[in-house]
Amino acid sequence: MGPSATAEFLRLLAVKAPAVIDQEHPRVILLSEPGIPDRTASLVAGDEAPLAPLREGLRTLAGWGADLLAVPCNTAHAFVDRFRTELPVPVVHIIDASLAAAMRTSPGGSWLAATTGTVLSGLYQRRSEALGYPLFVPPDEVQELVHDASVLVKAGRPAESGAVFGDAVRTLRDKIDAPVLAACTELPLAHAAAGLPPEHMVSSLDALADACLAELYR
C-alpha cells in the first residue's frame, strides 16, 4: 500500500533481526499492492472499498506459506480488524505493538500523529483509553499538516514532507512536551527528513518490526 513505508519495514526487519548470517534471517514473503483503494478516503466516505482486497491479499500470503502476517499500514487496520479472526494465520497488530512501545518510551503520554483516517477510526484512542495511556490528539489545523506530510512521503517528496511534519511536531510539542507516536508508517520517514531528534518519536514501523521479530525468534 505504502511502497516507501513497506521498503523501510523490510529494512528494519533485516537490521533488527538477531542474525549473523543469511540463513538466520526470517523468510519473508512480500505482497506490495499499491492498488488497494485509499484507506482514509474510504473511512471519510463511509465505504468499504479496501476491505475485500485487504482480505484477499492476506489470504494470498497465507496461501503462499506465510505463518505470520503483518500489515505496515495503520489505517488499514480499521478494515483488517473486521476479518482478522477469520484468517488462517495470526496478524501482528501494529496498533497494539505501537502503543506498547509508546508506553515503554513515554509513560506520561504521546501525541497521536496519524492519517486523518486513523484518527477518525478511533483505533488508537479506544486502545489507549482501555490501557489508561494518555494519547493527545492534535487540533484540526495541525492534523491537516500531519496528514499532508504522510501524503508527501507517498508522492516521493521527502524534503517537503519533512518541512511540513517538522512544523506540525514543533507546534504540538509547544503545547505539550511529549513525543509523537508516528502512527502512520510514512511518518517515521517524514520525521527523519525533518531532522527531528529520534528520541522525540515512537515509530509504528519500528514497533511492528520488533513485534514481528519477537514472535519469529521466541
C-alpha atoms as a PDB file:
ATOM      1  CA  MET A   1       0.000   0.000   0.000  1.00  0.00           C
ATOM      2  CA  GLY A   2       2.679   2.489   1.006  1.00  0.00           C
ATOM      3  CA  PRO A   3       5.710   1.309  -1.020  1.00  0.00           C
ATOM      4  CA  SER A   4       8.248   3.540   0.772  1.00  0.00           C
ATOM      5  CA  ALA A   5       6.969   2.521   4.206  1.00  0.00           C
ATOM      6  CA  THR A   6       6.951  -1.134   3.174  1.00  0.00           C
ATOM      7  CA  ALA A   7      10.549  -0.902   1.971  1.00  0.00           C
ATOM      8  CA  GLU A   8      11.567   0.669   5.279  1.00  0.00           C
ATOM      9  CA  PHE A   9       9.736  -2.071   7.187  1.00  0.00           C
ATOM     10  CA  LEU A  10      11.722  -4.737   5.323  1.00  0.00           C
ATOM     11  CA  ARG A  11      14.946  -2.861   6.057  1.00  0.00           C
ATOM     12  CA  LEU A  12      14.096  -2.764   9.749  1.00  0.00           C
ATOM     13  CA  LEU A  13      13.361  -6.491   9.783  1.00  0.00           C
ATOM     14  CA  ALA A  14      16.808  -7.098   8.324  1.00  0.00           C
ATOM     15  CA  VAL A  15      18.812  -4.785  10.580  1.00  0.00           C
ATOM     16  CA  LYS A  16      16.949  -5.680  13.783  1.00  0.00           C
ATOM     17  CA  ALA A  17      16.965  -9.466  13.332  1.00  0.00           C
ATOM     18  CA  PRO A  18      19.276 -11.304  15.752  1.00  0.00           C
ATOM     19  CA  ALA A  19      21.097 -12.913  12.831  1.00  0.00           C
ATOM     20  CA  VAL A  20      24.762 -13.017  11.835  1.00  0.00           C
ATOM     21  CA  ILE A  21      24.444 -14.973   8.569  1.00  0.00           C
ATOM     22  CA  ASP A  22      21.869 -15.055   5.784  1.00  0.00           C
ATOM     23  CA  GLN A  23      20.415 -18.352   6.942  1.00  0.00           C
ATOM     24  CA  GLU A  24      19.500 -16.966  10.370  1.00  0.00           C
ATOM     25  CA  HIS A  25      17.194 -14.289   8.951  1.00  0.00           C
ATOM     26  CA  PRO A  26      13.451 -14.948   8.716  1.00  0.00           C
ATOM     27  CA  ARG A  27      11.915 -15.986   5.428  1.00  0.00           C
ATOM     28  CA  VAL A  28       9.839 -13.039   4.250  1.00  0.00           C
ATOM     29  CA  ILE A  29       7.093 -13.141   1.629  1.00  0.00           C
ATOM     30  CA  LEU A  30       6.119  -9.699   0.370  1.00  0.00           C
ATOM     31  CA  LEU A  31       2.944  -8.648  -1.385  1.00  0.00           C
ATOM     32  CA  SER A  32       3.219  -4.931  -2.130  1.00  0.00           C
ATOM     33  CA  GLU A  33      -0.187  -3.975  -3.527  1.00  0.00           C
ATOM     34  CA  PRO A  34      -0.464  -0.242  -4.231  1.00  0.00           C
ATOM     35  CA  GLY A  35      -3.821  -0.741  -5.940  1.00  0.00           C
ATOM     36  CA  ILE A  36      -5.753  -1.021  -2.671  1.00  0.00           C
ATOM     37  CA  PRO A  37      -8.088   1.986  -2.510  1.00  0.00           C
ATOM     38  CA  ASP A  38      -7.169   4.907  -0.256  1.00  0.00           C
ATOM     39  CA  ARG A  39      -7.990   3.899   3.312  1.00  0.00           C
ATOM     40  CA  THR A  40      -8.553   7.418   4.650  1.00  0.00           C
ATOM     41  CA  ALA A  41     -10.812   8.360   1.732  1.00  0.00           C
ATOM     42  CA  SER A  42     -12.935   5.274   2.364  1.00  0.00           C
ATOM     43  CA  LEU A  43     -13.211   5.945   6.093  1.00  0.00           C
ATOM     44  CA  VAL A  44     -14.234   9.555   5.455  1.00  0.00           C
ATOM     45  CA  ALA A  45     -16.773   8.475   2.823  1.00  0.00           C
ATOM     46  CA  GLY A  46     -18.050   5.566   4.897  1.00  0.00           C
ATOM     47  CA  ASP A  47     -17.428   2.942   2.215  1.00  0.00           C
ATOM     48  CA  GLU A  48     -15.612  -0.393   2.448  1.00  0.00           C
ATOM     49  CA  ALA A  49     -13.609  -0.351  -0.790  1.00  0.00           C
ATOM     50  CA  PRO A  50     -10.324  -1.502   0.828  1.00  0.00           C
ATOM     51  CA  LEU A  51     -11.914  -4.382   2.747  1.00  0.00           C
ATOM     52  CA  ALA A  52     -12.093  -7.068   0.046  1.00  0.00           C
ATOM     53  CA  PRO A  53      -8.621  -6.501  -1.462  1.00  0.00           C
ATOM     54  CA  LEU A  54      -7.048  -6.435   2.008  1.00  0.00           C
ATOM     55  CA  ARG A  55      -8.725  -9.720   2.894  1.00  0.00           C
ATOM     56  CA  GLU A  56      -7.720 -11.223  -0.443  1.00  0.00           C
ATOM     57  CA  GLY A  57      -4.112 -10.072  -0.064  1.00  0.00           C
ATOM     58  CA  LEU A  58      -3.693 -11.518   3.418  1.00  0.00           C
ATOM     59  CA  ARG A  59      -5.312 -14.800   2.412  1.00  0.00           C
ATOM     60  CA  THR A  60      -2.990 -14.903  -0.606  1.00  0.00           C
ATOM     61  CA  LEU A  61       0.060 -14.520   1.638  1.00  0.00           C
ATOM     62  CA  ALA A  62      -1.179 -17.298   3.905  1.00  0.00           C
ATOM     63  CA  GLY A  63      -1.710 -19.447   0.810  1.00  0.00           C
ATOM     64  CA  TRP A  64       1.865 -18.756  -0.266  1.00  0.00           C
ATOM     65  CA  GLY A  65       3.087 -20.186   3.023  1.00  0.00           C
ATOM     66  CA  ALA A  66       3.208 -17.251   5.442  1.00  0.00           C
ATOM     67  CA  ASP A  67       2.518 -18.347   9.015  1.00  0.00           C
ATOM     68  CA  LEU A  68       2.638 -14.824  10.492  1.00  0.00           C
ATOM     69  CA  LEU A  69       1.144 -11.726   8.862  1.00  0.00           C
ATOM     70  CA  ALA A  70       1.997  -8.042   9.213  1.00  0.00           C
ATOM     71  CA  VAL A  71       0.417  -5.024   7.547  1.00  0.00           C
ATOM     72  CA  PRO A  72       2.719  -1.967   7.665  1.00  0.00           C
ATOM     73  CA  CYS A  73      -0.199   0.448   7.339  1.00  0.00           C
ATOM     74  CA  ASN A  74      -2.006   1.711  10.429  1.00  0.00           C
ATOM     75  CA  THR A  75      -5.133   2.956   8.693  1.00  0.00           C
ATOM     76  CA  ALA A  76      -5.651  -0.419   7.011  1.00  0.00           C
ATOM     77  CA  HIS A  77      -6.248  -1.975  10.421  1.00  0.00           C
ATOM     78  CA  ALA A  78      -9.630  -0.241  10.581  1.00  0.00           C
ATOM     79  CA  PHE A  79     -10.599  -2.776   7.901  1.00  0.00           C
ATOM     80  CA  VAL A  80      -8.312  -5.678   8.858  1.00  0.00           C
ATOM     81  CA  ASP A  81      -9.847  -5.759  12.333  1.00  0.00           C
ATOM     82  CA  ARG A  82     -13.187  -6.711  10.777  1.00  0.00           C
ATOM     83  CA  PHE A  83     -11.911 -10.038   9.469  1.00  0.00           C
ATOM     84  CA  ARG A  84      -8.553 -10.859  11.060  1.00  0.00           C
ATOM     85  CA  THR A  85     -10.043 -13.538  13.328  1.00  0.00           C
ATOM     86  CA  GLU A  86     -11.191 -15.323  10.149  1.00  0.00           C
ATOM     87  CA  LEU A  87      -7.660 -15.555   8.719  1.00  0.00           C
ATOM     88  CA  PRO A  88      -5.865 -18.921   8.838  1.00  0.00           C
ATOM     89  CA  VAL A  89      -2.753 -17.402  10.484  1.00  0.00           C
ATOM     90  CA  PRO A  90      -2.297 -14.591  13.050  1.00  0.00           C
ATOM     91  CA  VAL A  91      -1.737 -10.909  12.294  1.00  0.00           C
ATOM     92  CA  VAL A  92       0.808  -8.938  14.320  1.00  0.00           C
ATOM     93  CA  HIS A  93      -1.277  -5.905  15.267  1.00  0.00           C
ATOM     94  CA  ILE A  94       0.507  -2.620  14.594  1.00  0.00           C
ATOM     95  CA  ILE A  95      -1.672  -0.576  16.965  1.00  0.00           C
ATOM     96  CA  ASP A  96      -1.057  -2.891  19.915  1.00  0.00           C
ATOM     97  CA  ALA A  97       2.667  -3.010  19.165  1.00  0.00           C
ATOM     98  CA  SER A  98       2.924   0.771  18.775  1.00  0.00           C
ATOM     99  CA  LEU A  99       1.058   1.579  21.970  1.00  0.00           C
ATOM    100  CA  ALA A 100       3.191  -0.892  23.904  1.00  0.00           C
ATOM    101  CA  ALA A 101       6.301   0.843  22.569  1.00  0.00           C
ATOM    102  CA  ALA A 102       4.889   4.278  23.432  1.00  0.00           C
ATOM    103  CA  MET A 103       4.081   3.197  26.974  1.00  0.00           C
ATOM    104  CA  ARG A 104       7.649   1.974  27.455  1.00  0.00           C
ATOM    105  CA  THR A 105       9.209   5.061  25.898  1.00  0.00           C
ATOM    106  CA  SER A 106       6.959   7.782  27.305  1.00  0.00           C
ATOM    107  CA  PRO A 107       4.761   6.582  30.180  1.00  0.00           C
ATOM    108  CA  GLY A 108       3.329  10.083  30.608  1.00  0.00           C
ATOM    109  CA  GLY A 109       1.721  10.093  27.166  1.00  0.00           C
ATOM    110  CA  SER A 110       2.338  10.821  23.484  1.00  0.00           C
ATOM    111  CA  TRP A 111       0.928  12.877  20.658  1.00  0.00           C
ATOM    112  CA  LEU A 112      -1.012  10.835  18.098  1.00  0.00           C
ATOM    113  CA  ALA A 113       0.497  11.553  14.679  1.00  0.00           C
ATOM    114  CA  ALA A 114      -1.559   9.632  12.156  1.00  0.00           C
ATOM    115  CA  THR A 115      -3.552   9.931   8.976  1.00  0.00           C
ATOM    116  CA  THR A 116      -6.916  11.577   9.288  1.00  0.00           C
ATOM    117  CA  GLY A 117      -8.478   8.184   8.570  1.00  0.00           C
ATOM    118  CA  THR A 118      -6.716   6.565  11.512  1.00  0.00           C
ATOM    119  CA  VAL A 119      -7.730   9.432  13.797  1.00  0.00           C
ATOM    120  CA  LEU A 120     -11.361   9.252  12.642  1.00  0.00           C
ATOM    121  CA  SER A 121     -11.434   5.463  13.086  1.00  0.00           C
ATOM    122  CA  GLY A 122     -10.592   5.800  16.786  1.00  0.00           C
ATOM    123  CA  LEU A 123      -8.292   2.778  16.614  1.00  0.00           C
ATOM    124  CA  TYR A 124      -5.632   4.310  18.811  1.00  0.00           C
ATOM    125  CA  GLN A 125      -7.924   6.298  21.065  1.00  0.00           C
ATOM    126  CA  ARG A 126     -10.011   3.263  22.068  1.00  0.00           C
ATOM    127  CA  ARG A 127      -6.998   1.083  22.797  1.00  0.00           C
ATOM    128  CA  SER A 128      -5.120   3.787  24.676  1.00  0.00           C
ATOM    129  CA  GLU A 129      -8.178   4.544  26.794  1.00  0.00           C
ATOM    130  CA  ALA A 130      -8.552   0.853  27.660  1.00  0.00           C
ATOM    131  CA  LEU A 131      -4.892   0.801  28.681  1.00  0.00           C
ATOM    132  CA  GLY A 132      -5.175   4.021  30.662  1.00  0.00           C
ATOM    133  CA  TYR A 133      -2.498   5.601  28.494  1.00  0.00           C
ATOM    134  CA  PRO A 134      -2.674   9.358  27.735  1.00  0.00           C
ATOM    135  CA  LEU A 135      -2.799   9.936  23.987  1.00  0.00           C
ATOM    136  CA  PHE A 136      -3.050  13.545  22.843  1.00  0.00           C
ATOM    137  CA  VAL A 137      -4.938  14.186  19.600  1.00  0.00           C
ATOM    138  CA  PRO A 138      -3.779  17.176  17.513  1.00  0.00           C
ATOM    139  CA  PRO A 139      -6.167  20.056  16.821  1.00  0.00           C
ATOM    140  CA  ASP A 140      -7.691  20.052  13.359  1.00  0.00           C
ATOM    141  CA  GLU A 141      -5.296  22.559  11.799  1.00  0.00           C
ATOM    142  CA  VAL A 142      -2.254  20.556  12.922  1.00  0.00           C
ATOM    143  CA  GLN A 143      -3.891  17.242  11.996  1.00  0.00           C
ATOM    144  CA  GLU A 144      -4.161  18.518   8.451  1.00  0.00           C
ATOM    145  CA  LEU A 145      -0.400  19.130   8.365  1.00  0.00           C
ATOM    146  CA  VAL A 146       0.330  15.668   9.772  1.00  0.00           C
ATOM    147  CA  HIS A 147      -1.843  14.024   7.135  1.00  0.00           C
ATOM    148  CA  ASP A 148      -0.295  16.137   4.380  1.00  0.00           C
ATOM    149  CA  ALA A 149       3.179  15.021   5.487  1.00  0.00           C
ATOM    150  CA  SER A 150       2.191  11.374   5.006  1.00  0.00           C
ATOM    151  CA  VAL A 151       0.810  12.123   1.544  1.00  0.00           C
ATOM    152  CA  LEU A 152       4.044  13.873   0.557  1.00  0.00           C
ATOM    153  CA  VAL A 153       6.072  10.786   1.505  1.00  0.00           C
ATOM    154  CA  LYS A 154       3.841   8.684  -0.731  1.00  0.00           C
ATOM    155  CA  ALA A 155       4.400  11.238  -3.511  1.00  0.00           C
ATOM    156  CA  GLY A 156       8.181  10.820  -3.263  1.00  0.00           C
ATOM    157  CA  ARG A 157       8.719  14.330  -1.898  1.00  0.00           C
ATOM    158  CA  PRO A 158      10.703  13.681   1.315  1.00  0.00           C
ATOM    159  CA  ALA A 159      12.112  17.179   1.789  1.00  0.00           C
ATOM    160  CA  GLU A 160       8.653  18.733   1.603  1.00  0.00           C
ATOM    161  CA  SER A 161       7.194  16.083   3.893  1.00  0.00           C
ATOM    162  CA  GLY A 162       9.938  16.793   6.409  1.00  0.00           C
ATOM    163  CA  ALA A 163       9.275  20.527   6.336  1.00  0.00           C
ATOM    164  CA  VAL A 164       5.536  20.067   6.866  1.00  0.00           C
ATOM    165  CA  PHE A 165       5.913  17.420   9.552  1.00  0.00           C
ATOM    166  CA  GLY A 166       8.600  19.393  11.347  1.00  0.00           C
ATOM    167  CA  ASP A 167       6.275  22.381  11.630  1.00  0.00           C
ATOM    168  CA  ALA A 168       3.480  20.141  12.932  1.00  0.00           C
ATOM    169  CA  VAL A 169       5.641  18.416  15.542  1.00  0.00           C
ATOM    170  CA  ARG A 170       7.123  21.655  16.845  1.00  0.00           C
ATOM    171  CA  THR A 171       3.623  23.122  17.208  1.00  0.00           C
ATOM    172  CA  LEU A 172       2.440  20.070  19.133  1.00  0.00           C
ATOM    173  CA  ARG A 173       5.450  19.958  21.431  1.00  0.00           C
ATOM    174  CA  ASP A 174       4.958  23.645  22.236  1.00  0.00           C
ATOM    175  CA  LYS A 175       1.505  22.691  23.564  1.00  0.00           C
ATOM    176  CA  ILE A 176       2.523  19.521  25.438  1.00  0.00           C
ATOM    177  CA  ASP A 177       6.147  18.442  25.673  1.00  0.00           C
ATOM    178  CA  ALA A 178       5.663  14.807  24.694  1.00  0.00           C
ATOM    179  CA  PRO A 179       6.984  12.632  21.864  1.00  0.00           C
ATOM    180  CA  VAL A 180       4.912  11.939  18.779  1.00  0.00           C
ATOM    181  CA  LEU A 181       3.643   8.445  18.188  1.00  0.00           C
ATOM    182  CA  ALA A 182       4.150   8.116  14.431  1.00  0.00           C
ATOM    183  CA  ALA A 183       1.027   6.044  13.910  1.00  0.00           C
ATOM    184  CA  CYS A 184       1.281   6.217  10.138  1.00  0.00           C
ATOM    185  CA  THR A 185       4.098   4.209   8.599  1.00  0.00           C
ATOM    186  CA  GLU A 186       5.089   7.082   6.308  1.00  0.00           C
ATOM    187  CA  LEU A 187       5.621   9.458   9.213  1.00  0.00           C
ATOM    188  CA  PRO A 188       8.879   7.967  10.562  1.00  0.00           C
ATOM    189  CA  LEU A 189      10.294   8.810   7.128  1.00  0.00           C
ATOM    190  CA  ALA A 190       8.914  12.352   7.361  1.00  0.00           C
ATOM    191  CA  HIS A 191      10.331  12.673  10.888  1.00  0.00           C
ATOM    192  CA  ALA A 192      13.793  11.666   9.655  1.00  0.00           C
ATOM    193  CA  ALA A 193      13.518  14.076   6.707  1.00  0.00           C
ATOM    194  CA  ALA A 194      12.661  16.865   9.157  1.00  0.00           C
ATOM    195  CA  GLY A 195      15.899  16.257  11.074  1.00  0.00           C
ATOM    196  CA  LEU A 196      13.982  15.998  14.339  1.00  0.00           C
ATOM    197  CA  PRO A 197      15.625  14.254  17.313  1.00  0.00           C
ATOM    198  CA  PRO A 198      14.945  10.479  17.135  1.00  0.00           C
ATOM    199  CA  GLU A 199      14.040  10.419  20.823  1.00  0.00           C
ATOM    200  CA  HIS A 200      11.095  12.721  20.091  1.00  0.00           C
ATOM    201  CA  MET A 201       9.273   9.970  18.163  1.00  0.00           C
ATOM    202  CA  VAL A 202       7.884   6.494  18.735  1.00  0.00           C
ATOM    203  CA  SER A 203       7.808   4.747  15.347  1.00  0.00           C
ATOM    204  CA  SER A 204       4.979   2.371  14.450  1.00  0.00           C
ATOM    205  CA  LEU A 205       7.307   0.841  11.849  1.00  0.00           C
ATOM    206  CA  ASP A 206       9.927   0.084  14.489  1.00  0.00           C
ATOM    207  CA  ALA A 207       7.275  -1.258  16.835  1.00  0.00           C
ATOM    208  CA  LEU A 208       5.817  -3.559  14.177  1.00  0.00           C
ATOM    209  CA  ALA A 209       9.248  -4.878  13.192  1.00  0.00           C
ATOM    210  CA  ASP A 210      10.161  -5.514  16.837  1.00  0.00           C
ATOM    211  CA  ALA A 211       6.867  -7.306  17.497  1.00  0.00           C
ATOM    212  CA  CYS A 212       7.265  -9.490  14.404  1.00  0.00           C
ATOM    213  CA  LEU A 213      10.824 -10.447  15.336  1.00  0.00           C
ATOM    214  CA  ALA A 214       9.775 -11.225  18.902  1.00  0.00           C
ATOM    215  CA  GLU A 215       7.255 -13.715  17.507  1.00  0.00           C
ATOM    216  CA  LEU A 216       9.638 -15.179  14.936  1.00  0.00           C
ATOM    217  CA  TYR A 217      12.573 -15.688  17.318  1.00  0.00           C
ATOM    218  CA  ARG A 218      10.814 -16.731  20.513  1.00  0.00           C
END
